N, C-alpha and C. Protein backbone atom coordinates (compact mmCIF):
# COMPACT_ATOMS: atom_id res chain seq x y z
N MET A 1 -13.16 31.43 31.34
CA MET A 1 -12.76 31.87 30.03
C MET A 1 -11.41 31.30 29.62
N LYS A 2 -10.47 31.18 30.56
CA LYS A 2 -9.15 30.66 30.25
C LYS A 2 -9.21 29.21 29.79
N ILE A 3 -10.08 28.40 30.39
CA ILE A 3 -10.21 27.00 30.02
C ILE A 3 -10.71 26.90 28.58
N THR A 4 -11.68 27.71 28.21
CA THR A 4 -12.21 27.70 26.85
C THR A 4 -11.11 28.10 25.86
N HIS A 5 -10.33 29.10 26.21
CA HIS A 5 -9.24 29.54 25.35
C HIS A 5 -8.19 28.44 25.17
N LYS A 6 -7.82 27.76 26.25
CA LYS A 6 -6.87 26.66 26.16
C LYS A 6 -7.43 25.51 25.34
N THR A 7 -8.70 25.19 25.54
CA THR A 7 -9.35 24.12 24.77
C THR A 7 -9.35 24.47 23.29
N PHE A 8 -9.67 25.71 22.98
CA PHE A 8 -9.68 26.15 21.58
C PHE A 8 -8.27 26.03 20.98
N LEU A 9 -7.26 26.50 21.70
CA LEU A 9 -5.89 26.42 21.18
C LEU A 9 -5.45 24.97 20.99
N THR A 10 -5.80 24.10 21.93
CA THR A 10 -5.47 22.68 21.80
C THR A 10 -6.13 22.10 20.56
N PHE A 11 -7.41 22.38 20.39
CA PHE A 11 -8.13 21.90 19.20
C PHE A 11 -7.49 22.43 17.93
N LEU A 12 -7.12 23.71 17.92
CA LEU A 12 -6.51 24.32 16.73
C LEU A 12 -5.18 23.65 16.38
N VAL A 13 -4.36 23.38 17.39
CA VAL A 13 -3.07 22.73 17.15
C VAL A 13 -3.28 21.32 16.58
N ILE A 14 -4.20 20.57 17.17
CA ILE A 14 -4.48 19.21 16.68
C ILE A 14 -5.02 19.26 15.26
N PHE A 15 -5.92 20.19 15.00
CA PHE A 15 -6.49 20.33 13.66
C PHE A 15 -5.42 20.66 12.64
N LEU A 16 -4.56 21.62 12.95
CA LEU A 16 -3.50 22.00 12.00
C LEU A 16 -2.50 20.86 11.79
N ALA A 17 -2.19 20.14 12.85
CA ALA A 17 -1.28 19.01 12.71
C ALA A 17 -1.88 17.93 11.82
N SER A 18 -3.16 17.67 11.98
CA SER A 18 -3.79 16.64 11.14
C SER A 18 -3.90 17.11 9.70
N CYS A 19 -4.09 18.40 9.49
CA CYS A 19 -4.14 18.92 8.11
C CYS A 19 -2.79 18.75 7.42
N SER A 20 -1.71 18.98 8.16
CA SER A 20 -0.40 18.85 7.53
C SER A 20 -0.11 17.41 7.16
N SER A 21 -0.54 16.43 7.97
CA SER A 21 -0.28 15.04 7.63
C SER A 21 -1.14 14.61 6.46
N VAL A 22 -2.37 15.11 6.36
CA VAL A 22 -3.20 14.80 5.20
C VAL A 22 -2.57 15.38 3.96
N SER A 23 -2.05 16.59 4.08
CA SER A 23 -1.41 17.24 2.94
C SER A 23 -0.22 16.43 2.44
N MET A 24 0.59 15.90 3.37
CA MET A 24 1.73 15.07 2.98
C MET A 24 1.26 13.81 2.26
N ASP A 25 0.21 13.16 2.80
CA ASP A 25 -0.31 11.97 2.16
C ASP A 25 -0.76 12.28 0.75
N ARG A 26 -1.42 13.40 0.58
CA ARG A 26 -1.87 13.78 -0.75
C ARG A 26 -0.69 14.04 -1.67
N THR A 27 0.37 14.63 -1.13
CA THR A 27 1.56 14.86 -1.93
C THR A 27 2.15 13.53 -2.37
N ASN A 28 2.26 12.58 -1.46
CA ASN A 28 2.80 11.28 -1.82
C ASN A 28 1.93 10.59 -2.86
N ASP A 29 0.60 10.67 -2.69
CA ASP A 29 -0.30 10.08 -3.68
C ASP A 29 -0.17 10.77 -5.01
N ALA A 30 -0.02 12.11 -4.99
CA ALA A 30 0.12 12.85 -6.23
C ALA A 30 1.40 12.44 -6.95
N THR A 31 2.46 12.22 -6.19
CA THR A 31 3.71 11.76 -6.78
C THR A 31 3.52 10.39 -7.43
N ALA A 32 2.85 9.48 -6.72
CA ALA A 32 2.60 8.15 -7.26
C ALA A 32 1.73 8.23 -8.50
N ILE A 33 0.70 9.09 -8.46
CA ILE A 33 -0.19 9.22 -9.61
C ILE A 33 0.56 9.81 -10.79
N SER A 34 1.36 10.85 -10.55
CA SER A 34 2.07 11.45 -11.67
C SER A 34 3.11 10.50 -12.23
N ALA A 35 3.75 9.71 -11.35
CA ALA A 35 4.70 8.72 -11.84
C ALA A 35 3.99 7.67 -12.67
N SER A 36 2.79 7.29 -12.22
CA SER A 36 2.01 6.32 -12.96
C SER A 36 1.62 6.87 -14.31
N ALA A 37 1.19 8.12 -14.35
CA ALA A 37 0.77 8.74 -15.60
C ALA A 37 1.94 8.93 -16.55
N SER A 38 3.14 9.12 -16.00
CA SER A 38 4.29 9.35 -16.86
C SER A 38 4.86 8.07 -17.43
N GLY A 39 4.36 6.93 -16.98
CA GLY A 39 4.84 5.66 -17.53
C GLY A 39 5.96 5.04 -16.73
N ALA A 40 6.36 5.66 -15.62
CA ALA A 40 7.43 5.09 -14.81
C ALA A 40 7.00 3.77 -14.19
N TYR A 41 5.72 3.65 -13.90
CA TYR A 41 5.16 2.41 -13.36
C TYR A 41 4.39 1.71 -14.46
N SER A 42 4.41 0.40 -14.41
CA SER A 42 3.72 -0.34 -15.45
C SER A 42 3.20 -1.65 -14.90
N ASP A 43 2.04 -2.07 -15.39
CA ASP A 43 1.50 -3.38 -15.05
C ASP A 43 2.04 -4.46 -15.97
N SER A 44 2.79 -4.09 -16.98
CA SER A 44 3.21 -5.06 -17.99
C SER A 44 4.10 -6.16 -17.44
N GLY A 45 4.87 -5.88 -16.39
CA GLY A 45 5.78 -6.89 -15.85
C GLY A 45 5.19 -7.73 -14.74
N LEU A 46 3.90 -7.56 -14.46
CA LEU A 46 3.28 -8.30 -13.37
C LEU A 46 3.12 -9.76 -13.72
N THR A 47 3.53 -10.60 -12.80
CA THR A 47 3.31 -12.04 -12.92
C THR A 47 2.72 -12.51 -11.61
N SER A 48 2.43 -13.78 -11.52
CA SER A 48 1.90 -14.31 -10.26
C SER A 48 2.92 -14.14 -9.13
N GLN A 49 4.20 -14.00 -9.47
CA GLN A 49 5.23 -13.81 -8.44
C GLN A 49 5.20 -12.41 -7.85
N ASN A 50 4.56 -11.46 -8.53
CA ASN A 50 4.48 -10.08 -8.04
C ASN A 50 3.21 -9.81 -7.24
N ILE A 51 2.35 -10.81 -7.10
CA ILE A 51 1.06 -10.62 -6.44
C ILE A 51 0.98 -11.52 -5.21
N LEU A 52 0.65 -10.94 -4.07
CA LEU A 52 0.45 -11.70 -2.85
C LEU A 52 -1.01 -11.55 -2.44
N TYR A 53 -1.63 -12.65 -2.05
CA TYR A 53 -3.03 -12.64 -1.66
C TYR A 53 -3.16 -12.77 -0.15
N PHE A 54 -4.25 -12.20 0.37
CA PHE A 54 -4.48 -12.16 1.82
C PHE A 54 -5.82 -12.78 2.17
N ALA A 55 -5.90 -13.27 3.40
CA ALA A 55 -7.16 -13.77 3.93
C ALA A 55 -8.07 -12.58 4.22
N TYR A 56 -9.34 -12.86 4.37
CA TYR A 56 -10.32 -11.81 4.67
C TYR A 56 -9.94 -11.04 5.93
N ASP A 57 -9.90 -9.72 5.81
CA ASP A 57 -9.66 -8.82 6.93
C ASP A 57 -8.29 -9.03 7.59
N LYS A 58 -7.32 -9.54 6.84
CA LYS A 58 -5.98 -9.81 7.38
C LYS A 58 -4.92 -9.08 6.56
N SER A 59 -3.78 -8.85 7.22
CA SER A 59 -2.64 -8.25 6.52
C SER A 59 -1.37 -9.06 6.72
N ASP A 60 -1.49 -10.24 7.34
CA ASP A 60 -0.30 -11.07 7.54
C ASP A 60 -0.03 -11.90 6.28
N VAL A 61 1.25 -12.16 6.05
CA VAL A 61 1.70 -12.87 4.85
C VAL A 61 1.93 -14.34 5.22
N ASN A 62 1.36 -15.24 4.43
CA ASN A 62 1.52 -16.67 4.69
C ASN A 62 2.89 -17.16 4.19
N SER A 63 3.21 -18.42 4.40
CA SER A 63 4.53 -18.95 4.05
C SER A 63 4.78 -18.89 2.54
N GLU A 64 3.76 -19.12 1.72
CA GLU A 64 3.93 -18.99 0.27
C GLU A 64 4.27 -17.55 -0.10
N GLY A 65 3.61 -16.59 0.55
CA GLY A 65 3.90 -15.18 0.31
C GLY A 65 5.29 -14.79 0.74
N ARG A 66 5.74 -15.31 1.87
CA ARG A 66 7.10 -15.01 2.34
C ARG A 66 8.15 -15.55 1.37
N ALA A 67 7.89 -16.72 0.78
CA ALA A 67 8.81 -17.28 -0.22
C ALA A 67 8.85 -16.39 -1.46
N LYS A 68 7.69 -15.88 -1.89
CA LYS A 68 7.65 -14.96 -3.03
C LYS A 68 8.44 -13.69 -2.73
N ILE A 69 8.29 -13.19 -1.50
CA ILE A 69 8.98 -11.96 -1.13
C ILE A 69 10.49 -12.16 -1.13
N ARG A 70 10.96 -13.31 -0.63
CA ARG A 70 12.40 -13.59 -0.66
C ARG A 70 12.91 -13.60 -2.10
N SER A 71 12.16 -14.24 -2.99
CA SER A 71 12.53 -14.30 -4.40
C SER A 71 12.51 -12.91 -5.04
N LEU A 72 11.46 -12.15 -4.75
CA LEU A 72 11.37 -10.79 -5.29
C LEU A 72 12.51 -9.91 -4.77
N ALA A 73 12.82 -10.02 -3.50
CA ALA A 73 13.88 -9.21 -2.91
C ALA A 73 15.21 -9.48 -3.61
N LYS A 74 15.48 -10.73 -3.92
CA LYS A 74 16.72 -11.07 -4.63
C LYS A 74 16.76 -10.42 -6.00
N VAL A 75 15.67 -10.50 -6.75
CA VAL A 75 15.60 -9.89 -8.08
C VAL A 75 15.75 -8.37 -7.98
N ILE A 76 15.08 -7.77 -7.02
CA ILE A 76 15.14 -6.32 -6.83
C ILE A 76 16.56 -5.88 -6.52
N LYS A 77 17.24 -6.59 -5.60
CA LYS A 77 18.61 -6.24 -5.23
C LYS A 77 19.58 -6.48 -6.39
N ASP A 78 19.46 -7.63 -7.06
CA ASP A 78 20.38 -7.98 -8.14
C ASP A 78 20.29 -7.02 -9.32
N ASN A 79 19.12 -6.42 -9.53
CA ASN A 79 18.92 -5.53 -10.67
C ASN A 79 18.81 -4.06 -10.28
N ASP A 80 19.11 -3.76 -9.01
CA ASP A 80 19.08 -2.39 -8.50
C ASP A 80 17.77 -1.69 -8.86
N LEU A 81 16.66 -2.35 -8.58
CA LEU A 81 15.35 -1.82 -8.90
C LEU A 81 14.75 -1.08 -7.71
N SER A 82 13.82 -0.21 -8.01
CA SER A 82 12.98 0.39 -6.98
C SER A 82 11.64 -0.32 -7.04
N VAL A 83 10.87 -0.19 -5.98
CA VAL A 83 9.63 -0.95 -5.91
C VAL A 83 8.53 -0.10 -5.26
N ARG A 84 7.34 -0.28 -5.78
CA ARG A 84 6.15 0.30 -5.15
C ARG A 84 5.22 -0.86 -4.81
N VAL A 85 4.83 -0.94 -3.54
CA VAL A 85 3.91 -1.98 -3.10
C VAL A 85 2.52 -1.36 -3.00
N GLU A 86 1.57 -1.94 -3.72
CA GLU A 86 0.20 -1.44 -3.73
C GLU A 86 -0.69 -2.38 -2.91
N GLY A 87 -1.40 -1.84 -1.92
CA GLY A 87 -2.31 -2.63 -1.13
C GLY A 87 -3.74 -2.49 -1.64
N HIS A 88 -4.42 -3.62 -1.76
CA HIS A 88 -5.80 -3.64 -2.28
C HIS A 88 -6.69 -4.46 -1.36
N CYS A 89 -8.00 -4.21 -1.43
CA CYS A 89 -8.99 -4.92 -0.62
C CYS A 89 -10.18 -5.31 -1.49
N ASP A 90 -11.03 -6.18 -0.94
CA ASP A 90 -12.28 -6.46 -1.62
C ASP A 90 -13.27 -5.35 -1.27
N GLU A 91 -14.47 -5.43 -1.81
CA GLU A 91 -15.44 -4.35 -1.69
C GLU A 91 -16.14 -4.27 -0.33
N ARG A 92 -15.96 -5.26 0.50
CA ARG A 92 -16.64 -5.25 1.80
C ARG A 92 -15.94 -4.28 2.74
N GLY A 93 -16.68 -3.64 3.60
CA GLY A 93 -16.11 -2.66 4.52
C GLY A 93 -16.25 -1.26 3.98
N THR A 94 -16.04 -0.28 4.85
CA THR A 94 -16.14 1.12 4.41
C THR A 94 -14.92 1.51 3.60
N ARG A 95 -15.04 2.57 2.85
CA ARG A 95 -13.92 3.05 2.04
C ARG A 95 -12.71 3.34 2.93
N GLU A 96 -12.94 4.01 4.05
CA GLU A 96 -11.86 4.38 4.96
C GLU A 96 -11.19 3.14 5.56
N TYR A 97 -12.00 2.16 5.97
CA TYR A 97 -11.46 0.94 6.54
C TYR A 97 -10.60 0.21 5.51
N ASN A 98 -11.10 0.12 4.29
CA ASN A 98 -10.36 -0.59 3.25
C ASN A 98 -9.08 0.13 2.85
N LEU A 99 -9.09 1.44 2.86
CA LEU A 99 -7.84 2.17 2.60
C LEU A 99 -6.81 1.88 3.69
N ALA A 100 -7.27 1.84 4.94
CA ALA A 100 -6.35 1.53 6.05
C ALA A 100 -5.85 0.10 5.97
N LEU A 101 -6.72 -0.84 5.65
CA LEU A 101 -6.31 -2.24 5.53
C LEU A 101 -5.36 -2.42 4.34
N GLY A 102 -5.66 -1.77 3.22
CA GLY A 102 -4.76 -1.84 2.07
C GLY A 102 -3.39 -1.26 2.40
N GLU A 103 -3.37 -0.18 3.18
CA GLU A 103 -2.11 0.41 3.60
C GLU A 103 -1.32 -0.57 4.49
N GLN A 104 -2.02 -1.22 5.41
CA GLN A 104 -1.34 -2.18 6.28
C GLN A 104 -0.78 -3.35 5.48
N ARG A 105 -1.52 -3.82 4.48
CA ARG A 105 -1.03 -4.91 3.63
C ARG A 105 0.22 -4.46 2.87
N ALA A 106 0.18 -3.27 2.31
CA ALA A 106 1.35 -2.77 1.57
C ALA A 106 2.55 -2.60 2.50
N LYS A 107 2.32 -2.07 3.69
CA LYS A 107 3.43 -1.87 4.63
C LYS A 107 4.01 -3.20 5.11
N THR A 108 3.17 -4.20 5.32
CA THR A 108 3.66 -5.51 5.73
C THR A 108 4.59 -6.10 4.67
N VAL A 109 4.18 -6.03 3.42
CA VAL A 109 5.01 -6.54 2.32
C VAL A 109 6.29 -5.72 2.22
N ALA A 110 6.18 -4.40 2.32
CA ALA A 110 7.36 -3.54 2.24
C ALA A 110 8.36 -3.87 3.35
N GLU A 111 7.86 -4.07 4.57
CA GLU A 111 8.74 -4.41 5.69
C GLU A 111 9.46 -5.74 5.43
N LEU A 112 8.76 -6.70 4.88
CA LEU A 112 9.40 -7.99 4.58
C LEU A 112 10.44 -7.86 3.47
N LEU A 113 10.19 -7.01 2.49
CA LEU A 113 11.20 -6.77 1.45
C LEU A 113 12.45 -6.15 2.08
N ILE A 114 12.26 -5.19 2.97
CA ILE A 114 13.39 -4.53 3.62
C ILE A 114 14.14 -5.51 4.51
N ILE A 115 13.43 -6.35 5.24
CA ILE A 115 14.07 -7.38 6.07
C ILE A 115 14.92 -8.31 5.20
N ASN A 116 14.46 -8.53 3.96
CA ASN A 116 15.19 -9.41 3.04
C ASN A 116 16.23 -8.66 2.21
N GLY A 117 16.62 -7.46 2.64
CA GLY A 117 17.77 -6.78 2.06
C GLY A 117 17.50 -5.69 1.05
N VAL A 118 16.25 -5.39 0.73
CA VAL A 118 15.97 -4.30 -0.19
C VAL A 118 16.13 -2.99 0.59
N PRO A 119 16.92 -2.03 0.09
CA PRO A 119 17.08 -0.77 0.81
C PRO A 119 15.74 -0.04 0.97
N SER A 120 15.48 0.47 2.15
CA SER A 120 14.20 1.13 2.42
C SER A 120 13.97 2.33 1.51
N ALA A 121 15.05 2.98 1.08
CA ALA A 121 14.92 4.13 0.18
C ALA A 121 14.37 3.73 -1.19
N LYS A 122 14.43 2.45 -1.51
CA LYS A 122 13.96 1.96 -2.81
C LYS A 122 12.53 1.42 -2.74
N VAL A 123 11.89 1.52 -1.56
CA VAL A 123 10.56 0.94 -1.38
C VAL A 123 9.56 2.04 -1.03
N SER A 124 8.45 2.07 -1.75
CA SER A 124 7.35 2.97 -1.40
C SER A 124 6.06 2.15 -1.36
N THR A 125 5.06 2.69 -0.69
CA THR A 125 3.79 2.00 -0.57
C THR A 125 2.65 2.93 -0.93
N VAL A 126 1.56 2.34 -1.36
CA VAL A 126 0.32 3.08 -1.62
C VAL A 126 -0.84 2.12 -1.39
N SER A 127 -1.94 2.67 -0.90
CA SER A 127 -3.15 1.86 -0.71
C SER A 127 -4.22 2.35 -1.67
N TYR A 128 -4.84 1.42 -2.36
CA TYR A 128 -5.98 1.75 -3.20
C TYR A 128 -7.28 1.24 -2.59
N GLY A 129 -7.20 0.58 -1.44
CA GLY A 129 -8.40 0.07 -0.80
C GLY A 129 -9.18 -0.81 -1.77
N GLU A 130 -10.43 -0.49 -1.95
CA GLU A 130 -11.31 -1.25 -2.85
C GLU A 130 -11.43 -0.60 -4.23
N GLU A 131 -10.67 0.48 -4.47
CA GLU A 131 -10.86 1.31 -5.65
C GLU A 131 -10.40 0.68 -6.97
N LYS A 132 -9.50 -0.28 -6.93
CA LYS A 132 -8.98 -0.89 -8.16
C LYS A 132 -9.08 -2.41 -8.08
N PRO A 133 -10.28 -2.94 -8.19
CA PRO A 133 -10.42 -4.40 -8.09
C PRO A 133 -9.78 -5.10 -9.30
N ALA A 134 -9.21 -6.24 -9.06
CA ALA A 134 -8.65 -7.06 -10.15
C ALA A 134 -9.77 -7.79 -10.87
N VAL A 135 -10.81 -8.14 -10.12
CA VAL A 135 -11.92 -8.92 -10.64
C VAL A 135 -13.22 -8.29 -10.14
N SER A 136 -14.19 -8.13 -11.03
CA SER A 136 -15.47 -7.62 -10.57
C SER A 136 -16.35 -8.78 -10.12
N GLY A 137 -17.24 -8.49 -9.21
CA GLY A 137 -18.14 -9.52 -8.70
C GLY A 137 -18.27 -9.43 -7.20
N SER A 138 -19.39 -9.87 -6.71
CA SER A 138 -19.66 -9.83 -5.27
C SER A 138 -19.81 -11.25 -4.73
N ASN A 139 -18.73 -12.01 -4.84
CA ASN A 139 -18.72 -13.38 -4.32
C ASN A 139 -17.31 -13.70 -3.85
N GLU A 140 -17.18 -14.79 -3.10
CA GLU A 140 -15.88 -15.12 -2.50
C GLU A 140 -14.78 -15.30 -3.54
N ASN A 141 -15.11 -15.86 -4.69
CA ASN A 141 -14.11 -16.06 -5.73
C ASN A 141 -13.52 -14.71 -6.17
N SER A 142 -14.36 -13.73 -6.38
CA SER A 142 -13.89 -12.39 -6.77
C SER A 142 -13.17 -11.71 -5.61
N TRP A 143 -13.79 -11.75 -4.44
CA TRP A 143 -13.19 -11.09 -3.29
C TRP A 143 -11.79 -11.61 -3.00
N SER A 144 -11.59 -12.92 -3.12
CA SER A 144 -10.28 -13.49 -2.79
C SER A 144 -9.18 -13.01 -3.75
N LYS A 145 -9.54 -12.67 -4.97
CA LYS A 145 -8.56 -12.16 -5.94
C LYS A 145 -8.30 -10.66 -5.75
N ASN A 146 -9.21 -9.99 -5.07
CA ASN A 146 -9.06 -8.55 -4.84
C ASN A 146 -8.32 -8.21 -3.55
N ARG A 147 -8.21 -9.17 -2.65
CA ARG A 147 -7.46 -8.98 -1.40
C ARG A 147 -6.00 -9.28 -1.68
N ARG A 148 -5.25 -8.25 -2.10
CA ARG A 148 -3.91 -8.51 -2.61
C ARG A 148 -2.98 -7.33 -2.39
N ALA A 149 -1.71 -7.61 -2.58
CA ALA A 149 -0.68 -6.58 -2.66
C ALA A 149 0.08 -6.84 -3.95
N LEU A 150 0.27 -5.79 -4.73
CA LEU A 150 1.06 -5.88 -5.96
C LEU A 150 2.42 -5.29 -5.70
N VAL A 151 3.46 -5.97 -6.15
CA VAL A 151 4.82 -5.45 -6.02
C VAL A 151 5.25 -5.03 -7.42
N LYS A 152 5.29 -3.72 -7.64
CA LYS A 152 5.65 -3.19 -8.96
C LYS A 152 7.08 -2.67 -8.91
N THR A 153 7.87 -3.13 -9.84
CA THR A 153 9.28 -2.74 -9.90
C THR A 153 9.53 -1.78 -11.04
N PHE A 154 10.54 -0.93 -10.89
CA PHE A 154 10.93 0.01 -11.93
C PHE A 154 12.37 0.44 -11.69
N LYS A 155 12.98 0.99 -12.71
CA LYS A 155 14.38 1.47 -12.61
C LYS A 155 14.47 2.80 -11.94
């Protein structure tokens, strides 16, 4: 009986801990969504310099992407901007897998911005997985445009 009781308590602690982390993630997403709805974030300033593309199933940044990040970091620092990095994926893979991959892409870009001098307090990340495609279609041309990270800046 004691083993069952200990197993139950262990399960309960793990379950409650995982619920609290999900709750925090939802809070962060709700903050991002409410900021987006309030107009604090905007797609109007997006250029090709704010978008980084990734290879299939990868989250590493190529040399062209690293050059963009250095340039973006300078602009962000010089203008005292805050930034939200959005990770996106193509439609292949499960929803959960794509959310995780989008998160990894966003975190990789965020880490490179911080390495290039952007204060970590000014950087946030969010993953949309496959939920917000830039281009519709089920072919390599469309998929390659959807495997991206957007760097959105705001005051």
